[in-house]
Amino acid sequence: MFAKRILHGFHMLEADAGTGKTWTLSGLVVRMLVERRLEIDRVLVVTFTRAATAQLSERIRSRIEDTARAIGHRLGATGQAVDAPFCTAYAARVVDPDRALRDLRDALARVDEAQVR
């Protein structure tokens, strides 16, 4: 149940460098877009430095793109398979892959509206 509850409300992740915060946050953003059907501009992610902000923004963009490709591949799209374990595992368990793919493509088109600070 924790996995579903974490997608509601406000949460803070705090950990030392190199512990996977960026990896975790980018996955949570994808889950919020798909499972909660939030618009990309409704997600706020805050970090502490400009470099971390740039890295997190790029990682979120990449995670959305890779997950969309993995879902597309699941639906029979041709092209190179995704080599990202989170994305392929998540794509396999998405309940409505057609809707998820539309939502992720919309988010990718509007990813610059994401609030990453």
PDB file of N, CA and C in Angstrom:
ATOM      1  N   MET A   1       0.800  -1.195   0.000  1.00  0.00           N
ATOM      2  CA  MET A   1       0.000   0.000   0.000  1.00  0.00           C
ATOM      3  C   MET A   1       0.850   1.270   0.000  1.00  0.00           C
ATOM      4  N   PHE A   2       2.043   1.216   0.556  1.00  0.00           N
ATOM      5  CA  PHE A   2       2.885   2.397   0.621  1.00  0.00           C
ATOM      6  C   PHE A   2       3.130   2.967  -0.773  1.00  0.00           C
ATOM      7  N   ALA A   3       3.352   2.099  -1.749  1.00  0.00           N
ATOM      8  CA  ALA A   3       3.650   2.562  -3.102  1.00  0.00           C
ATOM      9  C   ALA A   3       2.523   3.429  -3.655  1.00  0.00           C
ATOM     10  N   LYS A   4       1.286   3.101  -3.365  1.00  0.00           N
ATOM     11  CA  LYS A   4       0.163   3.917  -3.857  1.00  0.00           C
ATOM     12  C   LYS A   4       0.042   5.205  -3.053  1.00  0.00           C
ATOM     13  N   ARG A   5       0.226   5.139  -1.750  1.00  0.00           N
ATOM     14  CA  ARG A   5       0.056   6.323  -0.914  1.00  0.00           C
ATOM     15  C   ARG A   5       1.114   7.377  -1.183  1.00  0.00           C
ATOM     16  N   ILE A   6       2.297   6.994  -1.576  1.00  0.00           N
ATOM     17  CA  ILE A   6       3.358   7.976  -1.797  1.00  0.00           C
ATOM     18  C   ILE A   6       3.029   8.917  -2.957  1.00  0.00           C
ATOM     19  N   LEU A   7       2.107   8.548  -3.803  1.00  0.00           N
ATOM     20  CA  LEU A   7       1.757   9.396  -4.940  1.00  0.00           C
ATOM     21  C   LEU A   7       0.758  10.481  -4.577  1.00  0.00           C
ATOM     22  N   HIS A   8       0.379  10.580  -3.321  1.00  0.00           N
ATOM     23  CA  HIS A   8      -0.575  11.593  -2.868  1.00  0.00           C
ATOM     24  C   HIS A   8       0.103  12.498  -1.847  1.00  0.00           C
ATOM     25  N   GLY A   9      -0.155  13.785  -1.938  1.00  0.00           N
ATOM     26  CA  GLY A   9       0.361  14.715  -0.938  1.00  0.00           C
ATOM     27  C   GLY A   9       1.766  15.186  -1.232  1.00  0.00           C
ATOM     28  N   PHE A  10       2.428  15.645  -0.186  1.00  0.00           N
ATOM     29  CA  PHE A  10       3.775  16.190  -0.281  1.00  0.00           C
ATOM     30  C   PHE A  10       4.738  15.246   0.408  1.00  0.00           C
ATOM     31  N   HIS A  11       5.918  15.049  -0.198  1.00  0.00           N
ATOM     32  CA  HIS A  11       6.911  14.153   0.363  1.00  0.00           C
ATOM     33  C   HIS A  11       8.290  14.754   0.175  1.00  0.00           C
ATOM     34  N   MET A  12       9.178  14.411   1.075  1.00  0.00           N
ATOM     35  CA  MET A  12      10.549  14.885   0.985  1.00  0.00           C
ATOM     36  C   MET A  12      11.487  13.687   0.994  1.00  0.00           C
ATOM     37  N   LEU A  13      12.409  13.651   0.028  1.00  0.00           N
ATOM     38  CA  LEU A  13      13.458  12.645   0.009  1.00  0.00           C
ATOM     39  C   LEU A  13      14.746  13.349   0.384  1.00  0.00           C
ATOM     40  N   GLU A  14      15.453  12.776   1.321  1.00  0.00           N
ATOM     41  CA  GLU A  14      16.724  13.358   1.725  1.00  0.00           C
ATOM     42  C   GLU A  14      17.716  12.228   1.874  1.00  0.00           C
ATOM     43  N   ALA A  15      18.856  12.350   1.191  1.00  0.00           N
ATOM     44  CA  ALA A  15      19.867  11.305   1.258  1.00  0.00           C
ATOM     45  C   ALA A  15      21.187  11.872   0.758  1.00  0.00           C
ATOM     46  N   ASP A  16      22.260  11.161   1.039  1.00  0.00           N
ATOM     47  CA  ASP A  16      23.590  11.574   0.604  1.00  0.00           C
ATOM     48  C   ASP A  16      23.731  11.445  -0.909  1.00  0.00           C
ATOM     49  N   ALA A  17      24.783  12.033  -1.427  1.00  0.00           N
ATOM     50  CA  ALA A  17      25.065  11.968  -2.860  1.00  0.00           C
ATOM     51  C   ALA A  17      25.258  10.517  -3.287  1.00  0.00           C
ATOM     52  N   GLY A  18      24.788  10.218  -4.484  1.00  0.00           N
ATOM     53  CA  GLY A  18      25.003   8.896  -5.052  1.00  0.00           C
ATOM     54  C   GLY A  18      24.101   7.799  -4.522  1.00  0.00           C
ATOM     55  N   THR A  19      23.004   8.169  -3.861  1.00  0.00           N
ATOM     56  CA  THR A  19      22.126   7.161  -3.262  1.00  0.00           C
ATOM     57  C   THR A  19      20.902   6.845  -4.101  1.00  0.00           C
ATOM     58  N   GLY A  20      20.721   7.520  -5.221  1.00  0.00           N
ATOM     59  CA  GLY A  20      19.612   7.206  -6.105  1.00  0.00           C
ATOM     60  C   GLY A  20      18.413   8.136  -6.012  1.00  0.00           C
ATOM     61  N   LYS A  21      18.605   9.335  -5.455  1.00  0.00           N
ATOM     62  CA  LYS A  21      17.483  10.277  -5.344  1.00  0.00           C
ATOM     63  C   LYS A  21      16.941  10.654  -6.720  1.00  0.00           C
ATOM     64  N   THR A  22      17.810  10.987  -7.645  1.00  0.00           N
ATOM     65  CA  THR A  22      17.386  11.409  -8.976  1.00  0.00           C
ATOM     66  C   THR A  22      16.674  10.262  -9.686  1.00  0.00           C
ATOM     67  N   TRP A  23      17.207   9.055  -9.583  1.00  0.00           N
ATOM     68  CA  TRP A  23      16.587   7.870 -10.181  1.00  0.00           C
ATOM     69  C   TRP A  23      15.193   7.672  -9.601  1.00  0.00           C
ATOM     70  N   THR A  24      15.076   7.767  -8.295  1.00  0.00           N
ATOM     71  CA  THR A  24      13.795   7.566  -7.614  1.00  0.00           C
ATOM     72  C   THR A  24      12.796   8.652  -7.986  1.00  0.00           C
ATOM     73  N   LEU A  25      13.225   9.904  -7.945  1.00  0.00           N
ATOM     74  CA  LEU A  25      12.319  11.005  -8.272  1.00  0.00           C
ATOM     75  C   LEU A  25      11.814  10.929  -9.703  1.00  0.00           C
ATOM     76  N   SER A  26      12.669  10.602 -10.642  1.00  0.00           N
ATOM     77  CA  SER A  26      12.221  10.522 -12.033  1.00  0.00           C
ATOM     78  C   SER A  26      11.200   9.398 -12.209  1.00  0.00           C
ATOM     79  N   GLY A  27      11.367   8.305 -11.497  1.00  0.00           N
ATOM     80  CA  GLY A  27      10.379   7.230 -11.532  1.00  0.00           C
ATOM     81  C   GLY A  27       9.061   7.632 -10.910  1.00  0.00           C
ATOM     82  N   LEU A  28       9.131   8.373  -9.816  1.00  0.00           N
ATOM     83  CA  LEU A  28       7.904   8.845  -9.168  1.00  0.00           C
ATOM     84  C   LEU A  28       7.142   9.819 -10.061  1.00  0.00           C
ATOM     85  N   VAL A  29       7.860  10.654 -10.779  1.00  0.00           N
ATOM     86  CA  VAL A  29       7.195  11.590 -11.697  1.00  0.00           C
ATOM     87  C   VAL A  29       6.441  10.806 -12.775  1.00  0.00           C
ATOM     88  N   VAL A  30       7.087   9.806 -13.362  1.00  0.00           N
ATOM     89  CA  VAL A  30       6.410   8.982 -14.369  1.00  0.00           C
ATOM     90  C   VAL A  30       5.170   8.326 -13.776  1.00  0.00           C
ATOM     91  N   ARG A  31       5.296   7.792 -12.579  1.00  0.00           N
ATOM     92  CA  ARG A  31       4.146   7.146 -11.942  1.00  0.00           C
ATOM     93  C   ARG A  31       3.011   8.144 -11.702  1.00  0.00           C
ATOM     94  N   MET A  32       3.345   9.361 -11.302  1.00  0.00           N
ATOM     95  CA  MET A  32       2.295  10.360 -11.088  1.00  0.00           C
ATOM     96  C   MET A  32       1.595  10.722 -12.393  1.00  0.00           C
ATOM     97  N   LEU A  33       2.352  10.800 -13.471  1.00  0.00           N
ATOM     98  CA  LEU A  33       1.764  11.105 -14.768  1.00  0.00           C
ATOM     99  C   LEU A  33       0.824   9.996 -15.235  1.00  0.00           C
ATOM    100  N   VAL A  34       1.210   8.762 -15.007  1.00  0.00           N
ATOM    101  CA  VAL A  34       0.427   7.622 -15.489  1.00  0.00           C
ATOM    102  C   VAL A  34      -0.675   7.237 -14.507  1.00  0.00           C
ATOM    103  N   GLU A  35      -0.322   7.031 -13.255  1.00  0.00           N
ATOM    104  CA  GLU A  35      -1.283   6.502 -12.282  1.00  0.00           C
ATOM    105  C   GLU A  35      -2.245   7.558 -11.748  1.00  0.00           C
ATOM    106  N   ARG A  36      -1.758   8.751 -11.527  1.00  0.00           N
ATOM    107  CA  ARG A  36      -2.625   9.826 -11.029  1.00  0.00           C
ATOM    108  C   ARG A  36      -3.157  10.684 -12.162  1.00  0.00           C
ATOM    109  N   ARG A  37      -2.596  10.487 -13.360  1.00  0.00           N
ATOM    110  CA  ARG A  37      -2.965  11.246 -14.554  1.00  0.00           C
ATOM    111  C   ARG A  37      -2.776  12.749 -14.343  1.00  0.00           C
ATOM    112  N   LEU A  38      -1.725  13.115 -13.613  1.00  0.00           N
ATOM    113  CA  LEU A  38      -1.421  14.525 -13.408  1.00  0.00           C
ATOM    114  C   LEU A  38      -0.823  15.107 -14.680  1.00  0.00           C
ATOM    115  N   GLU A  39      -1.132  16.353 -14.931  1.00  0.00           N
ATOM    116  CA  GLU A  39      -0.475  17.084 -16.007  1.00  0.00           C
ATOM    117  C   GLU A  39       0.939  17.398 -15.539  1.00  0.00           C
ATOM    118  N   ILE A  40       1.879  17.457 -16.469  1.00  0.00           N
ATOM    119  CA  ILE A  40       3.285  17.677 -16.122  1.00  0.00           C
ATOM    120  C   ILE A  40       3.484  18.989 -15.356  1.00  0.00           C
ATOM    121  N   ASP A  41       2.661  19.997 -15.624  1.00  0.00           N
ATOM    122  CA  ASP A  41       2.827  21.281 -14.928  1.00  0.00           C
ATOM    123  C   ASP A  41       2.265  21.250 -13.503  1.00  0.00           C
ATOM    124  N   ARG A  42       1.682  20.143 -13.093  1.00  0.00           N
ATOM    125  CA  ARG A  42       1.142  19.998 -11.736  1.00  0.00           C
ATOM    126  C   ARG A  42       2.135  19.306 -10.800  1.00  0.00           C
ATOM    127  N   VAL A  43       3.310  18.961 -11.315  1.00  0.00           N
ATOM    128  CA  VAL A  43       4.331  18.267 -10.531  1.00  0.00           C
ATOM    129  C   VAL A  43       5.423  19.261 -10.169  1.00  0.00           C
ATOM    130  N   LEU A  44       5.760  19.313  -8.896  1.00  0.00           N
ATOM    131  CA  LEU A  44       6.834  20.184  -8.413  1.00  0.00           C
ATOM    132  C   LEU A  44       7.915  19.325  -7.786  1.00  0.00           C
ATOM    133  N   VAL A  45       9.142  19.489  -8.278  1.00  0.00           N
ATOM    134  CA  VAL A  45      10.297  18.778  -7.732  1.00  0.00           C
ATOM    135  C   VAL A  45      11.338  19.835  -7.395  1.00  0.00           C
ATOM    136  N   VAL A  46      11.833  19.819  -6.167  1.00  0.00           N
ATOM    137  CA  VAL A  46      12.772  20.837  -5.718  1.00  0.00           C
ATOM    138  C   VAL A  46      14.084  20.172  -5.316  1.00  0.00           C
ATOM    139  N   THR A  47      15.183  20.765  -5.760  1.00  0.00           N
ATOM    140  CA  THR A  47      16.498  20.304  -5.361  1.00  0.00           C
ATOM    141  C   THR A  47      17.320  21.532  -4.964  1.00  0.00           C
ATOM    142  N   PHE A  48      18.590  21.348  -4.641  1.00  0.00           N
ATOM    143  CA  PHE A  48      19.329  22.429  -3.995  1.00  0.00           C
ATOM    144  C   PHE A  48      20.312  23.212  -4.849  1.00  0.00           C
ATOM    145  N   THR A  49      20.751  22.671  -5.958  1.00  0.00           N
ATOM    146  CA  THR A  49      21.725  23.401  -6.768  1.00  0.00           C
ATOM    147  C   THR A  49      21.249  23.493  -8.210  1.00  0.00           C
ATOM    148  N   ARG A  50      21.815  24.427  -8.950  1.00  0.00           N
ATOM    149  CA  ARG A  50      21.461  24.558 -10.366  1.00  0.00           C
ATOM    150  C   ARG A  50      21.884  23.320 -11.144  1.00  0.00           C
ATOM    151  N   ALA A  51      23.043  22.783 -10.807  1.00  0.00           N
ATOM    152  CA  ALA A  51      23.512  21.573 -11.495  1.00  0.00           C
ATOM    153  C   ALA A  51      22.573  20.403 -11.234  1.00  0.00           C
ATOM    154  N   ALA A  52      22.135  20.257 -10.004  1.00  0.00           N
ATOM    155  CA  ALA A  52      21.209  19.176  -9.664  1.00  0.00           C
ATOM    156  C   ALA A  52      19.867  19.375 -10.353  1.00  0.00           C
ATOM    157  N   THR A  53      19.435  20.629 -10.460  1.00  0.00           N
ATOM    158  CA  THR A  53      18.179  20.930 -11.143  1.00  0.00           C
ATOM    159  C   THR A  53      18.272  20.542 -12.613  1.00  0.00           C
ATOM    160  N   ALA A  54      19.358  20.896 -13.267  1.00  0.00           N
ATOM    161  CA  ALA A  54      19.544  20.555 -14.682  1.00  0.00           C
ATOM    162  C   ALA A  54      19.595  19.041 -14.869  1.00  0.00           C
ATOM    163  N   GLN A  55      20.312  18.356 -13.996  1.00  0.00           N
ATOM    164  CA  GLN A  55      20.412  16.902 -14.094  1.00  0.00           C
ATOM    165  C   GLN A  55      19.053  16.243 -13.875  1.00  0.00           C
ATOM    166  N   LEU A  56      18.327  16.705 -12.895  1.00  0.00           N
ATOM    167  CA  LEU A  56      17.013  16.138 -12.588  1.00  0.00           C
ATOM    168  C   LEU A  56      16.024  16.389 -13.728  1.00  0.00           C
ATOM    169  N   SER A  57      16.046  17.578 -14.287  1.00  0.00           N
ATOM    170  CA  SER A  57      15.172  17.891 -15.423  1.00  0.00           C
ATOM    171  C   SER A  57      15.450  16.954 -16.589  1.00  0.00           C
ATOM    172  N   GLU A  58      16.717  16.765 -16.893  1.00  0.00           N
ATOM    173  CA  GLU A  58      17.081  15.876 -17.999  1.00  0.00           C
ATOM    174  C   GLU A  58      16.713  14.432 -17.692  1.00  0.00           C
ATOM    175  N   ARG A  59      16.913  14.008 -16.467  1.00  0.00           N
ATOM    176  CA  ARG A  59      16.574  12.626 -16.098  1.00  0.00           C
ATOM    177  C   ARG A  59      15.070  12.387 -16.175  1.00  0.00           C
ATOM    178  N   ILE A  60      14.279  13.353 -15.760  1.00  0.00           N
ATOM    179  CA  ILE A  60      12.813  13.224 -15.853  1.00  0.00           C
ATOM    180  C   ILE A  60      12.395  13.121 -17.317  1.00  0.00           C
ATOM    181  N   ARG A  61      12.945  13.984 -18.154  1.00  0.00           N
ATOM    182  CA  ARG A  61      12.646  13.942 -19.593  1.00  0.00           C
ATOM    183  C   ARG A  61      13.014  12.573 -20.170  1.00  0.00           C
ATOM    184  N   SER A  62      14.172  12.099 -19.838  1.00  0.00           N
ATOM    185  CA  SER A  62      14.647  10.814 -20.342  1.00  0.00           C
ATOM    186  C   SER A  62      13.776   9.657 -19.842  1.00  0.00           C
ATOM    187  N   ARG A  63      13.390   9.714 -18.582  1.00  0.00           N
ATOM    188  CA  ARG A  63      12.572   8.635 -18.011  1.00  0.00           C
ATOM    189  C   ARG A  63      11.185   8.609 -18.656  1.00  0.00           C
ATOM    190  N   ILE A  64      10.612   9.781 -18.898  1.00  0.00           N
ATOM    191  CA  ILE A  64       9.311   9.841 -19.579  1.00  0.00           C
ATOM    192  C   ILE A  64       9.443   9.259 -20.983  1.00  0.00           C
ATOM    193  N   GLU A  65      10.476   9.677 -21.696  1.00  0.00           N
ATOM    194  CA  GLU A  65      10.699   9.217 -23.067  1.00  0.00           C
ATOM    195  C   GLU A  65      10.919   7.704 -23.109  1.00  0.00           C
ATOM    196  N   ASP A  66      11.775   7.185 -22.231  1.00  0.00           N
ATOM    197  CA  ASP A  66      12.064   5.745 -22.214  1.00  0.00           C
ATOM    198  C   ASP A  66      10.834   4.920 -21.834  1.00  0.00           C
ATOM    199  N   THR A  67      10.051   5.423 -20.886  1.00  0.00           N
ATOM    200  CA  THR A  67       8.848   4.690 -20.489  1.00  0.00           C
ATOM    201  C   THR A  67       7.824   4.690 -21.614  1.00  0.00           C
ATOM    202  N   ALA A  68       7.684   5.816 -22.301  1.00  0.00           N
ATOM    203  CA  ALA A  68       6.769   5.876 -23.447  1.00  0.00           C
ATOM    204  C   ALA A  68       7.215   4.904 -24.534  1.00  0.00           C
ATOM    205  N   ARG A  69       8.506   4.841 -24.809  1.00  0.00           N
ATOM    206  CA  ARG A  69       9.003   3.892 -25.812  1.00  0.00           C
ATOM    207  C   ARG A  69       8.775   2.454 -25.369  1.00  0.00           C
ATOM    208  N   ALA A  70       8.974   2.167 -24.076  1.00  0.00           N
ATOM    209  CA  ALA A  70       8.762   0.805 -23.567  1.00  0.00           C
ATOM    210  C   ALA A  70       7.296   0.405 -23.680  1.00  0.00           C
ATOM    211  N   ILE A  71       6.396   1.332 -23.390  1.00  0.00           N
ATOM    212  CA  ILE A  71       4.967   1.043 -23.535  1.00  0.00           C
ATOM    213  C   ILE A  71       4.628   0.867 -25.009  1.00  0.00           C
ATOM    214  N   GLY A  72       5.167   1.722 -25.853  1.00  0.00           N
ATOM    215  CA  GLY A  72       4.956   1.579 -27.291  1.00  0.00           C
ATOM    216  C   GLY A  72       5.450   0.227 -27.796  1.00  0.00           C
ATOM    217  N   HIS A  73       6.604  -0.190 -27.314  1.00  0.00           N
ATOM    218  CA  HIS A  73       7.161  -1.489 -27.693  1.00  0.00           C
ATOM    219  C   HIS A  73       6.225  -2.608 -27.237  1.00  0.00           C
ATOM    220  N   ARG A  74       5.689  -2.483 -26.031  1.00  0.00           N
ATOM    221  CA  ARG A  74       4.720  -3.466 -25.524  1.00  0.00           C
ATOM    222  C   ARG A  74       3.500  -3.548 -26.436  1.00  0.00           C
ATOM    223  N   LEU A  75       3.097  -2.406 -26.990  1.00  0.00           N
ATOM    224  CA  LEU A  75       1.921  -2.358 -27.864  1.00  0.00           C
ATOM    225  C   LEU A  75       2.241  -2.753 -29.301  1.00  0.00           C
ATOM    226  N   GLY A  76       3.488  -3.096 -29.558  1.00  0.00           N
ATOM    227  CA  GLY A  76       3.848  -3.585 -30.883  1.00  0.00           C
ATOM    228  C   GLY A  76       4.574  -2.610 -31.775  1.00  0.00           C
ATOM    229  N   ALA A  77       4.947  -1.462 -31.251  1.00  0.00           N
ATOM    230  CA  ALA A  77       5.689  -0.495 -32.066  1.00  0.00           C
ATOM    231  C   ALA A  77       7.054  -1.070 -32.420  1.00  0.00           C
ATOM    232  N   THR A  78       7.501  -0.759 -33.614  1.00  0.00           N
ATOM    233  CA  THR A  78       8.822  -1.216 -34.025  1.00  0.00           C
ATOM    234  C   THR A  78       9.858  -0.225 -33.534  1.00  0.00           C
ATOM    235  N   GLY A  79      11.083  -0.632 -33.576  1.00  0.00           N
ATOM    236  CA  GLY A  79      12.158   0.235 -33.128  1.00  0.00           C
ATOM    237  C   GLY A  79      12.973  -0.445 -32.050  1.00  0.00           C
ATOM    238  N   GLN A  80      13.976   0.248 -31.630  1.00  0.00           N
ATOM    239  CA  GLN A  80      14.902  -0.297 -30.650  1.00  0.00           C
ATOM    240  C   GLN A  80      14.225  -0.463 -29.290  1.00  0.00           C
ATOM    241  N   ALA A  81      14.438  -1.605 -28.677  1.00  0.00           N
ATOM    242  CA  ALA A  81      13.893  -1.857 -27.343  1.00  0.00           C
ATOM    243  C   ALA A  81      14.577  -0.945 -26.337  1.00  0.00           C
ATOM    244  N   VAL A  82      13.904  -0.674 -25.258  1.00  0.00           N
ATOM    245  CA  VAL A  82      14.427   0.206 -24.215  1.00  0.00           C
ATOM    246  C   VAL A  82      15.303  -0.604 -23.273  1.00  0.00           C
ATOM    247  N   ASP A  83      16.492  -0.084 -23.003  1.00  0.00           N
ATOM    248  CA  ASP A  83      17.412  -0.746 -22.085  1.00  0.00           C
ATOM    249  C   ASP A  83      17.426   0.003 -20.756  1.00  0.00           C
ATOM    250  N   ALA A  84      16.269   0.045 -20.113  1.00  0.00           N
ATOM    251  CA  ALA A  84      16.127   0.712 -18.819  1.00  0.00           C
ATOM    252  C   ALA A  84      15.191  -0.150 -17.972  1.00  0.00           C
ATOM    253  N   PRO A  85      15.741  -0.854 -16.999  1.00  0.00           N
ATOM    254  CA  PRO A  85      14.941  -1.819 -16.228  1.00  0.00           C
ATOM    255  C   PRO A  85      13.660  -1.248 -15.622  1.00  0.00           C
ATOM    256  N   PHE A  86      13.699  -0.038 -15.056  1.00  0.00           N
ATOM    257  CA  PHE A  86      12.484   0.542 -14.494  1.00  0.00           C
ATOM    258  C   PHE A  86      11.416   0.680 -15.571  1.00  0.00           C
ATOM    259  N   CYS A  87      11.804   1.226 -16.709  1.00  0.00           N
ATOM    260  CA  CYS A  87      10.848   1.529 -17.772  1.00  0.00           C
ATOM    261  C   CYS A  87      10.213   0.267 -18.328  1.00  0.00           C
ATOM    262  N   THR A  88      11.007  -0.751 -18.591  1.00  0.00           N
ATOM    263  CA  THR A  88      10.441  -1.982 -19.155  1.00  0.00           C
ATOM    264  C   THR A  88       9.574  -2.702 -18.125  1.00  0.00           C
ATOM    265  N   ALA A  89      10.006  -2.729 -16.876  1.00  0.00           N
ATOM    266  CA  ALA A  89       9.191  -3.381 -15.833  1.00  0.00           C
ATOM    267  C   ALA A  89       7.894  -2.617 -15.604  1.00  0.00           C
ATOM    268  N   TYR A  90       7.982  -1.298 -15.575  1.00  0.00           N
ATOM    269  CA  TYR A  90       6.787  -0.487 -15.354  1.00  0.00           C
ATOM    270  C   TYR A  90       5.829  -0.614 -16.533  1.00  0.00           C
ATOM    271  N   ALA A  91       6.356  -0.568 -17.744  1.00  0.00           N
ATOM    272  CA  ALA A  91       5.518  -0.688 -18.948  1.00  0.00           C
ATOM    273  C   ALA A  91       4.753  -2.008 -18.952  1.00  0.00           C
ATOM    274  N   ALA A  92       5.366  -3.055 -18.445  1.00  0.00           N
ATOM    275  CA  ALA A  92       4.732  -4.371 -18.434  1.00  0.00           C
ATOM    276  C   ALA A  92       3.535  -4.437 -17.488  1.00  0.00           C
ATOM    277  N   ARG A  93       3.513  -3.572 -16.482  1.00  0.00           N
ATOM    278  CA  ARG A  93       2.426  -3.660 -15.499  1.00  0.00           C
ATOM    279  C   ARG A  93       1.399  -2.524 -15.597  1.00  0.00           C
ATOM    280  N   VAL A  94       1.568  -1.629 -16.548  1.00  0.00           N
ATOM    281  CA  VAL A  94       0.595  -0.556 -16.740  1.00  0.00           C
ATOM    282  C   VAL A  94      -0.741  -1.169 -17.157  1.00  0.00           C
ATOM    283  N   VAL A  95      -1.804  -0.767 -16.475  1.00  0.00           N
ATOM    284  CA  VAL A  95      -3.126  -1.349 -16.709  1.00  0.00           C
ATOM    285  C   VAL A  95      -3.710  -0.938 -18.058  1.00  0.00           C
ATOM    286  N   ASP A  96      -3.598   0.329 -18.406  1.00  0.00           N
ATOM    287  CA  ASP A  96      -4.143   0.828 -19.671  1.00  0.00           C
ATOM    288  C   ASP A  96      -2.998   1.438 -20.488  1.00  0.00           C
ATOM    289  N   PRO A  97      -2.265   0.602 -21.222  1.00  0.00           N
ATOM    290  CA  PRO A  97      -1.080   1.111 -21.916  1.00  0.00           C
ATOM    291  C   PRO A  97      -1.377   2.155 -22.988  1.00  0.00           C
ATOM    292  N   ASP A  98      -2.514   2.055 -23.659  1.00  0.00           N
ATOM    293  CA  ASP A  98      -2.846   3.065 -24.675  1.00  0.00           C
ATOM    294  C   ASP A  98      -2.989   4.448 -24.050  1.00  0.00           C
ATOM    295  N   ARG A  99      -3.733   4.523 -22.957  1.00  0.00           N
ATOM    296  CA  ARG A  99      -3.923   5.804 -22.269  1.00  0.00           C
ATOM    297  C   ARG A  99      -2.608   6.301 -21.684  1.00  0.00           C
ATOM    298  N   ALA A 100      -1.841   5.388 -21.090  1.00  0.00           N
ATOM    299  CA  ALA A 100      -0.553   5.771 -20.504  1.00  0.00           C
ATOM    300  C   ALA A 100       0.379   6.335 -21.566  1.00  0.00           C
ATOM    301  N   LEU A 101       0.390   5.716 -22.724  1.00  0.00           N
ATOM    302  CA  LEU A 101       1.245   6.197 -23.805  1.00  0.00           C
ATOM    303  C   LEU A 101       0.825   7.590 -24.249  1.00  0.00           C
ATOM    304  N   ARG A 102      -0.471   7.813 -24.388  1.00  0.00           N
ATOM    305  CA  ARG A 102      -0.956   9.165 -24.744  1.00  0.00           C
ATOM    306  C   ARG A 102      -0.552  10.184 -23.685  1.00  0.00           C
ATOM    307  N   ASP A 103      -0.741   9.825 -22.410  1.00  0.00           N
ATOM    308  CA  ASP A 103      -0.406  10.759 -21.322  1.00  0.00           C
ATOM    309  C   ASP A 103       1.089  11.071 -21.300  1.00  0.00           C
ATOM    310  N   LEU A 104       1.916  10.055 -21.500  1.00  0.00           N
ATOM    311  CA  LEU A 104       3.364  10.273 -21.477  1.00  0.00           C
ATOM    312  C   LEU A 104       3.829  11.077 -22.689  1.00  0.00           C
ATOM    313  N   ARG A 105       3.237  10.834 -23.833  1.00  0.00           N
ATOM    314  CA  ARG A 105       3.594  11.632 -25.015  1.00  0.00           C
ATOM    315  C   ARG A 105       3.197  13.096 -24.827  1.00  0.00           C
ATOM    316  N   ASP A 106       2.040  13.315 -24.215  1.00  0.00           N
ATOM    317  CA  ASP A 106       1.614  14.683 -23.914  1.00  0.00           C
ATOM    318  C   ASP A 106       2.596  15.331 -22.937  1.00  0.00           C
ATOM    319  N   ALA A 107       2.972  14.593 -21.899  1.00  0.00           N
ATOM    320  CA  ALA A 107       3.918  15.123 -20.912  1.00  0.00           C
ATOM    321  C   ALA A 107       5.258  15.419 -21.565  1.00  0.00           C
ATOM    322  N   LEU A 108       5.697  14.556 -22.451  1.00  0.00           N
ATOM    323  CA  LEU A 108       6.977  14.778 -23.127  1.00  0.00           C
ATOM    324  C   LEU A 108       6.934  16.030 -23.987  1.00  0.00           C
ATOM    325  N   ALA A 109       5.816  16.262 -24.651  1.00  0.00           N
ATOM    326  CA  ALA A 109       5.670  17.462 -25.472  1.00  0.00           C
ATOM    327  C   ALA A 109       5.670  18.729 -24.620  1.00  0.00           C
ATOM    328  N   ARG A 110       5.271  18.591 -23.350  1.00  0.00           N
ATOM    329  CA  ARG A 110       5.158  19.751 -22.464  1.00  0.00           C
ATOM    330  C   ARG A 110       6.155  19.697 -21.306  1.00  0.00           C
ATOM    331  N   VAL A 111       7.177  18.871 -21.417  1.00  0.00           N
ATOM    332  CA  VAL A 111       8.077  18.628 -20.291  1.00  0.00           C
ATOM    333  C   VAL A 111       8.758  19.903 -19.785  1.00  0.00           C
ATOM    334  N   ASP A 112       8.917  20.887 -20.632  1.00  0.00           N
ATOM    335  CA  ASP A 112       9.527  22.148 -20.186  1.00  0.00           C
ATOM    336  C   ASP A 112       8.645  22.906 -19.209  1.00  0.00           C
ATOM    337  N   GLU A 113       7.377  22.501 -19.088  1.00  0.00           N
ATOM    338  CA  GLU A 113       6.477  23.108 -18.119  1.00  0.00           C
ATOM    339  C   GLU A 113       6.613  22.478 -16.733  1.00  0.00           C
ATOM    340  N   ALA A 114       7.389  21.413 -16.635  1.00  0.00           N
ATOM    341  CA  ALA A 114       7.585  20.768 -15.330  1.00  0.00           C
ATOM    342  C   ALA A 114       8.236  21.747 -14.364  1.00  0.00           C
ATOM    343  N   GLN A 115       7.811  21.725 -13.145  1.00  0.00           N
ATOM    344  CA  GLN A 115       8.354  22.616 -12.118  1.00  0.00           C
ATOM    345  C   GLN A 115       9.507  21.909 -11.403  1.00  0.00           C
ATOM    346  N   VAL A 116      10.690  22.012 -11.980  1.00  0.00           N
ATOM    347  CA  VAL A 116      11.900  21.451 -11.370  1.00  0.00           C
ATOM    348  C   VAL A 116      12.745  22.628 -10.958  1.00  0.00           C
ATOM    349  N   ARG A 117      12.909  22.798  -9.681  1.00  0.00           N
ATOM    350  CA  ARG A 117      13.620  23.962  -9.135  1.00  0.00           C
ATOM    351  C   ARG A 117      14.756  23.526  -8.244  1.00  0.00           C
TER     352      ARG A 117
END
